[in-house]
């Protein structure tokens, strides 16, 4: 008697397709998750910054002396341009009608997927070494990314720090420019940046690095004595923090970020950075021109750096 096998009856066997679509692509955005947000009302958003006068050891007056005016120093007025980021989906009528595995509809699946992609784009742009671009009818506006703002508390390692469009006013019109070969990340650089930051009044709460320099940081000599794990949930206020570095100027949460430029290490105070939304995330149905549905996802936003002195940057680091 001949036994009928699976191979003989292959035409009658139903397919076995799991109703799950696996996607390992990372979607965490630590920079956006930790800083604040606000609404802006124009494509060029401005704010003012100020600092206290230097401490004066000669500040002594004789009894009965006439009052004298303290010299007035104007505030600085800085700003950033909004940038428009988009994603568009186009699904045929047939694709929307057929039974699909792993998704309620192809359109809803693609909208969710493109939304996550848009968020990753924003994280990368906000941390990019790009100056602001004014834009015109043929050139897209661009926001100045975080590295392009930091000029005071810097470890340059041979690079040239960013500049503003008008000395200390205006917008960042040039990012970091390479002037030397990349150098290895060291603990001494972190200490130098922290000291400069503290001297200028800053109290950074986290350091954001790319994957390569997170590994380098973990290998610093004596790091086991200078690192602690967050065990109290109430203390772990930095989202995505991997370790805590105990420095001479306070604790510093170390946050690895897949979307930051690994040639930089940024010391960030989330209190002095925000995303400014001119147009928050929105879905716009596009004109129907045939047997398909097109939808554009759009967000218009900028980066608001309250004062660049609240942050620090270590530049020109090896990335591998």
Protein backbone atom coordinates (compact mmCIF):
# COMPACT_ATOMS: atom_id res chain seq x y z
CA UNK A 1 0.00 0.00 0.00
CA UNK A 2 1.33 3.46 -0.94
CA UNK A 3 1.27 6.10 1.83
CA UNK A 4 0.18 9.57 0.71
CA UNK A 5 2.63 12.17 2.05
CA UNK A 6 2.63 15.94 2.38
CA UNK A 7 4.68 16.09 -0.78
CA UNK A 8 2.03 14.21 -2.74
CA UNK A 9 -0.88 16.33 -1.52
CA UNK A 10 0.84 19.74 -1.74
CA UNK A 11 -1.93 21.35 -3.80
CA UNK A 12 -4.51 20.91 -1.04
CA UNK A 13 -2.39 22.21 1.84
CA UNK A 14 -3.33 25.67 3.09
CA UNK A 15 -0.61 28.27 3.64
CA UNK A 16 0.48 28.92 7.22
CA UNK A 17 1.27 32.64 7.43
CA UNK A 18 1.51 34.08 10.95
CA UNK A 19 -0.62 37.17 11.62
CA UNK A 20 2.36 39.12 12.94
CA UNK A 21 4.88 41.31 11.10
CA UNK A 22 8.23 41.39 12.88
CA UNK A 23 10.22 44.62 12.78
CA UNK A 24 13.41 45.04 14.80
CA UNK A 25 14.23 48.55 13.55
CA UNK A 26 14.91 50.84 16.56
CA UNK A 27 12.39 53.57 17.30
CA UNK A 28 13.57 55.04 20.62
CA UNK A 29 14.35 58.77 20.43
CA UNK A 30 16.07 59.75 23.72
CA UNK A 31 16.74 63.38 22.79
CA UNK A 32 13.13 64.15 21.87
CA UNK A 33 11.86 62.14 24.83
CA UNK A 34 13.91 64.06 27.41
CA UNK A 35 13.62 67.67 26.28
CA UNK A 36 10.51 69.82 26.54
CA UNK A 37 8.12 71.09 23.89
CA UNK A 38 6.35 74.32 23.13
CA UNK A 39 4.28 75.98 20.42
CA UNK A 40 5.82 78.55 18.07
CA UNK A 41 3.98 81.04 15.88
CA UNK A 42 6.30 81.78 12.97
CA UNK A 43 8.81 80.09 10.70
CA UNK A 44 11.56 82.00 12.50
CA UNK A 45 11.19 81.62 16.26
CA UNK A 46 13.22 83.95 18.52
CA UNK A 47 14.05 84.18 22.20
CA UNK A 48 16.41 86.18 24.42
CA UNK A 49 19.38 85.06 26.49
CA UNK A 50 21.29 86.84 29.23
CA UNK A 51 24.07 86.24 31.75
CA UNK A 52 25.01 87.85 35.04
CA UNK A 53 27.96 90.21 35.26
CA UNK A 54 31.19 88.67 36.48
CA UNK A 55 31.62 88.67 40.25
CA UNK A 56 33.47 91.87 41.29
CA UNK A 57 35.93 91.61 44.17
CA UNK A 58 36.33 95.41 44.14
CA UNK A 59 32.64 96.08 44.88
CA UNK A 60 33.02 98.29 47.96
CA UNK A 61 31.51 101.72 48.60
CA UNK A 62 32.37 104.35 51.19
CA UNK A 63 29.74 105.59 53.60
CA UNK A 64 27.61 108.37 52.19
CA UNK A 65 28.85 107.90 48.64
CA UNK A 66 26.57 108.97 45.77
CA UNK A 67 24.92 106.13 43.87
CA UNK A 68 26.37 105.38 40.47
CA UNK A 69 24.60 103.60 37.65
CA UNK A 70 25.58 100.06 36.82
CA UNK A 71 26.40 99.74 33.13
CA UNK A 72 23.54 98.33 31.08
CA UNK A 73 24.28 95.28 28.95
CA UNK A 74 21.65 94.33 26.39
CA UNK A 75 20.31 90.80 26.14
CA UNK A 76 21.13 88.59 23.19
CA UNK A 77 18.36 87.78 20.73
CA UNK A 78 18.69 84.42 19.02
CA UNK A 79 16.42 82.24 16.94
CA UNK A 80 15.96 79.17 14.80
CA UNK A 81 14.03 78.36 11.65
CA UNK A 82 11.31 75.75 11.41
CA UNK A 83 11.82 72.70 9.22
CA UNK A 84 9.11 70.69 7.48
CA UNK A 85 9.49 66.91 7.46
CA UNK A 86 7.07 64.67 5.58
CA UNK A 87 6.23 61.10 4.63
CA UNK A 88 3.63 60.09 2.04
CA UNK A 89 1.80 56.82 1.45
CA UNK A 90 -0.09 55.80 -1.70
CA UNK A 91 -2.29 52.68 -1.51
CA UNK A 92 -4.29 51.32 -4.44
CA UNK A 93 -7.98 50.55 -4.06
CA UNK A 94 -7.31 46.87 -4.55
CA UNK A 95 -4.61 46.82 -1.86
CA UNK A 96 -7.12 48.30 0.53
CA UNK A 97 -9.78 45.73 -0.32
CA UNK A 98 -7.89 42.43 -0.17
CA UNK A 99 -7.50 40.41 3.02
CA UNK A 100 -4.05 41.06 4.50
CA UNK A 101 -2.03 39.21 7.13
CA UNK A 102 -0.48 40.97 10.11
CA UNK A 103 -2.38 44.23 9.60
CA UNK A 104 -5.93 45.51 9.84
CA UNK A 105 -5.47 47.36 6.56
CA UNK A 106 -2.39 48.14 4.49
CA UNK A 107 -3.11 51.86 4.83
CA UNK A 108 -3.24 51.82 8.64
CA UNK A 109 -0.08 49.71 8.78
CA UNK A 110 1.83 52.09 6.50
CA UNK A 111 0.61 55.17 8.40
CA UNK A 112 1.93 53.72 11.66
CA UNK A 113 5.19 52.68 10.01
CA UNK A 114 5.78 56.05 8.34
CA UNK A 115 4.96 57.79 11.63
CA UNK A 116 7.76 55.92 13.37
CA UNK A 117 10.10 56.68 10.47
CA UNK A 118 9.24 60.38 10.71
CA UNK A 119 10.06 60.39 14.41
CA UNK A 120 13.46 58.78 13.69
CA UNK A 121 14.12 61.42 11.03
CA UNK A 122 13.35 64.19 13.52
CA UNK A 123 15.68 62.76 16.16
CA UNK A 124 18.49 62.58 13.61
CA UNK A 125 17.85 66.12 12.34
CA UNK A 126 17.64 67.66 15.82
CA UNK A 127 21.06 66.15 16.64
CA UNK A 128 22.64 66.87 13.26
CA UNK A 129 25.61 69.19 12.82
CA UNK A 130 23.65 71.40 10.44
CA UNK A 131 23.35 75.20 10.54
CA UNK A 132 20.04 76.93 10.01
CA UNK A 133 18.96 77.51 6.42
CA UNK A 134 16.70 80.51 5.79
CA UNK A 135 15.08 78.92 2.74
CA UNK A 136 13.21 80.35 -0.24
CA UNK A 137 10.82 79.20 -2.95
CA UNK A 138 13.34 76.64 -4.21
CA UNK A 139 15.29 75.83 -1.04
CA UNK A 140 13.80 74.11 2.00
CA UNK A 141 14.14 75.81 5.38
CA UNK A 142 16.28 73.90 7.86
CA UNK A 143 16.58 74.19 11.62
CA UNK A 144 19.97 74.46 13.29
CA UNK A 145 20.70 71.14 15.00
CA UNK A 146 21.93 70.87 18.58
CA UNK A 147 25.71 70.67 17.81
CA UNK A 148 25.54 73.90 15.77
CA UNK A 149 24.41 75.83 18.87
CA UNK A 150 27.20 74.93 21.29
CA UNK A 151 30.10 77.41 21.29
CA UNK A 152 31.05 78.21 24.91
CA UNK A 153 31.57 74.92 26.74
CA UNK A 154 33.45 72.94 24.14
CA UNK A 155 36.32 70.50 23.78
CA UNK A 156 37.16 71.12 20.12
CA UNK A 157 39.90 68.49 19.57
CA UNK A 158 41.12 70.55 16.61
CA UNK A 159 37.76 71.40 15.07
CA UNK A 160 36.33 74.90 14.64
CA UNK A 161 33.28 75.67 16.79
CA UNK A 162 30.01 76.93 15.23
CA UNK A 163 29.26 80.60 14.59
CA UNK A 164 26.16 82.79 14.76
CA UNK A 165 24.80 84.97 11.98
CA UNK A 166 25.54 88.08 14.08
CA UNK A 167 28.23 87.43 16.70
CA UNK A 168 26.12 86.35 19.70
CA UNK A 169 22.74 87.16 18.13
CA UNK A 170 20.77 85.62 15.30
CA UNK A 171 20.90 81.95 14.32
CA UNK A 172 23.72 79.40 13.87
CA UNK A 173 24.98 79.98 10.33
CA UNK A 174 27.85 77.46 10.43
CA UNK A 175 28.22 74.15 12.22
CA UNK A 176 31.39 72.44 13.37
CA UNK A 177 34.08 72.30 10.68
CA UNK A 178 36.69 69.56 10.60
CA UNK A 179 40.29 70.72 10.91
CA UNK A 180 42.06 67.61 12.18
CA UNK A 181 41.88 63.83 12.32
CA UNK A 182 39.40 62.34 14.76
CA UNK A 183 40.71 61.53 18.23
CA UNK A 184 39.87 58.86 20.79
CA UNK A 185 37.29 59.74 23.45
CA UNK A 186 38.84 60.09 26.92
CA UNK A 187 37.64 60.66 30.45
CA UNK A 188 39.79 63.78 30.63
CA UNK A 189 37.63 65.33 27.91
CA UNK A 190 34.50 64.69 29.95
CA UNK A 191 36.08 66.31 33.03
CA UNK A 192 37.18 69.35 31.00
CA UNK A 193 33.70 69.82 29.53
CA UNK A 194 32.03 69.42 32.94
CA UNK A 195 34.36 71.95 34.55
CA UNK A 196 33.74 74.52 31.79
CA UNK A 197 30.01 73.91 32.03
CA UNK A 198 29.94 74.32 35.80
CA UNK A 199 32.17 77.42 35.71
CA UNK A 200 29.73 79.08 33.30
CA UNK A 201 26.72 78.28 35.48
CA UNK A 202 25.51 75.09 33.82
CA UNK A 203 24.47 71.88 35.55
CA UNK A 204 24.13 69.27 32.83
CA UNK A 205 22.12 66.21 33.79
CA UNK A 206 22.97 63.84 30.96
CA UNK A 207 25.60 63.02 28.38
CA UNK A 208 24.39 61.69 25.04
CA UNK A 209 26.72 59.58 22.92
CA UNK A 210 26.56 57.25 19.96
CA UNK A 211 27.02 53.48 20.26
CA UNK A 212 30.79 53.40 19.70
CA UNK A 213 31.60 56.03 22.30
CA UNK A 214 29.16 54.55 24.79
CA UNK A 215 31.40 51.46 24.71
CA UNK A 216 34.50 53.66 25.01
CA UNK A 217 33.00 55.48 27.98
CA UNK A 218 32.34 52.19 29.75
CA UNK A 219 36.02 51.27 29.41
CA UNK A 220 37.43 54.40 31.09
CA UNK A 221 40.03 53.55 33.71
CA UNK A 222 38.44 53.34 37.15
CA UNK A 223 34.93 53.67 35.74
CA UNK A 224 33.60 51.02 38.13
CA UNK A 225 34.28 53.46 40.97
CA UNK A 226 32.55 56.32 39.18
CA UNK A 227 29.42 54.62 37.98
CA UNK A 228 26.28 53.56 39.79
CA UNK A 229 23.04 51.98 38.64
CA UNK A 230 19.68 53.71 39.15
CA UNK A 231 17.80 51.50 41.61
CA UNK A 232 15.27 54.00 42.91
CA UNK A 233 12.68 54.69 40.16
CA UNK A 234 12.12 58.17 41.59
CA UNK A 235 15.73 59.08 40.83
CA UNK A 236 15.75 57.76 37.26
CA UNK A 237 14.29 60.91 35.69
CA UNK A 238 16.41 60.73 32.52
CA UNK A 239 14.69 58.51 29.96
CA UNK A 240 16.99 55.97 28.35
CA UNK A 241 19.87 56.45 30.78
CA UNK A 242 22.20 53.47 30.91
CA UNK A 243 24.65 54.50 33.63
CA UNK A 244 25.29 57.30 36.08
CA UNK A 245 28.71 58.94 36.14
CA UNK A 246 29.61 60.53 39.46
CA UNK A 247 31.73 63.60 38.73
CA UNK A 248 33.21 66.44 40.76
CA UNK A 249 30.24 68.55 39.63
CA UNK A 250 27.36 66.17 40.19
CA UNK A 251 25.89 63.02 38.69
CA UNK A 252 25.69 62.63 34.93
CA UNK A 253 23.34 60.16 33.25
CA UNK A 254 24.90 58.47 30.22
CA UNK A 255 22.37 58.03 27.41
CA UNK A 256 23.28 56.05 24.27
CA UNK A 257 21.52 57.21 21.11
CA UNK A 258 21.50 55.39 17.78
CA UNK A 259 20.61 58.55 15.87
CA UNK A 260 23.27 60.97 17.11
CA UNK A 261 26.51 61.67 15.27
CA UNK A 262 29.02 59.41 17.03
CA UNK A 263 31.81 61.96 16.51
CA UNK A 264 30.18 64.14 19.20
CA UNK A 265 29.47 63.67 22.91
CA UNK A 266 26.88 66.15 24.18
CA UNK A 267 26.32 67.22 27.78
CA UNK A 268 22.69 68.29 27.89
CA UNK A 269 20.47 70.01 30.41
CA UNK A 270 16.94 69.07 29.25
CA UNK A 271 15.53 72.13 31.06
CA UNK A 272 17.17 74.38 28.46
CA UNK A 273 16.17 72.60 25.25
CA UNK A 274 12.74 72.21 23.63
CA UNK A 275 11.12 71.19 20.40
CA UNK A 276 9.05 74.08 19.09
CA UNK A 277 6.07 72.97 16.99
CA UNK A 278 4.60 75.34 14.41
CA UNK A 279 2.47 72.50 13.04
CA UNK A 280 2.34 69.35 15.20
CA UNK A 281 2.07 65.90 13.60
CA UNK A 282 -0.79 65.79 11.14
CA UNK A 283 -2.23 63.58 8.40
CA UNK A 284 -3.39 65.28 5.23
CA UNK A 285 -5.48 63.33 2.67
CA UNK A 286 -4.20 64.29 -0.78
CA UNK A 287 -6.31 64.87 -3.89
CA UNK A 288 -7.59 61.65 -5.39
CA UNK A 289 -6.48 61.30 -9.02
CA UNK A 290 -7.33 57.66 -9.65
CA UNK A 291 -7.79 54.28 -8.02
CA UNK A 292 -5.62 54.97 -4.98
CA UNK A 293 -5.61 56.85 -1.69
CA UNK A 294 -2.69 59.15 -0.91
CA UNK A 295 -1.99 60.53 2.56
CA UNK A 296 0.79 62.90 3.59
CA UNK A 297 2.15 62.89 7.13
CA UNK A 298 3.70 66.23 8.07
CA UNK A 299 5.29 68.04 10.99
CA UNK A 300 6.84 71.53 11.11
CA UNK A 301 9.17 72.10 14.04
CA UNK A 302 12.35 73.71 15.29
CA UNK A 303 14.89 73.32 18.09
CA UNK A 304 14.83 75.88 20.90
CA UNK A 305 18.10 76.02 22.85
CA UNK A 306 17.23 78.27 25.79
CA UNK A 307 20.87 79.12 26.37
CA UNK A 308 23.77 77.31 24.81
CA UNK A 309 25.83 77.87 27.99
CA UNK A 310 23.65 75.27 29.73
CA UNK A 311 25.17 72.57 27.52
CA UNK A 312 28.57 71.34 26.39
CA UNK A 313 29.98 69.45 23.41
CA UNK A 314 33.04 67.28 22.88
CA UNK A 315 33.82 67.20 19.17
CA UNK A 316 35.91 65.33 16.61
CA UNK A 317 35.76 61.88 18.24
CA UNK A 318 36.64 58.57 16.63
CA UNK A 319 33.53 56.67 15.59
CA UNK A 320 35.00 53.20 15.20
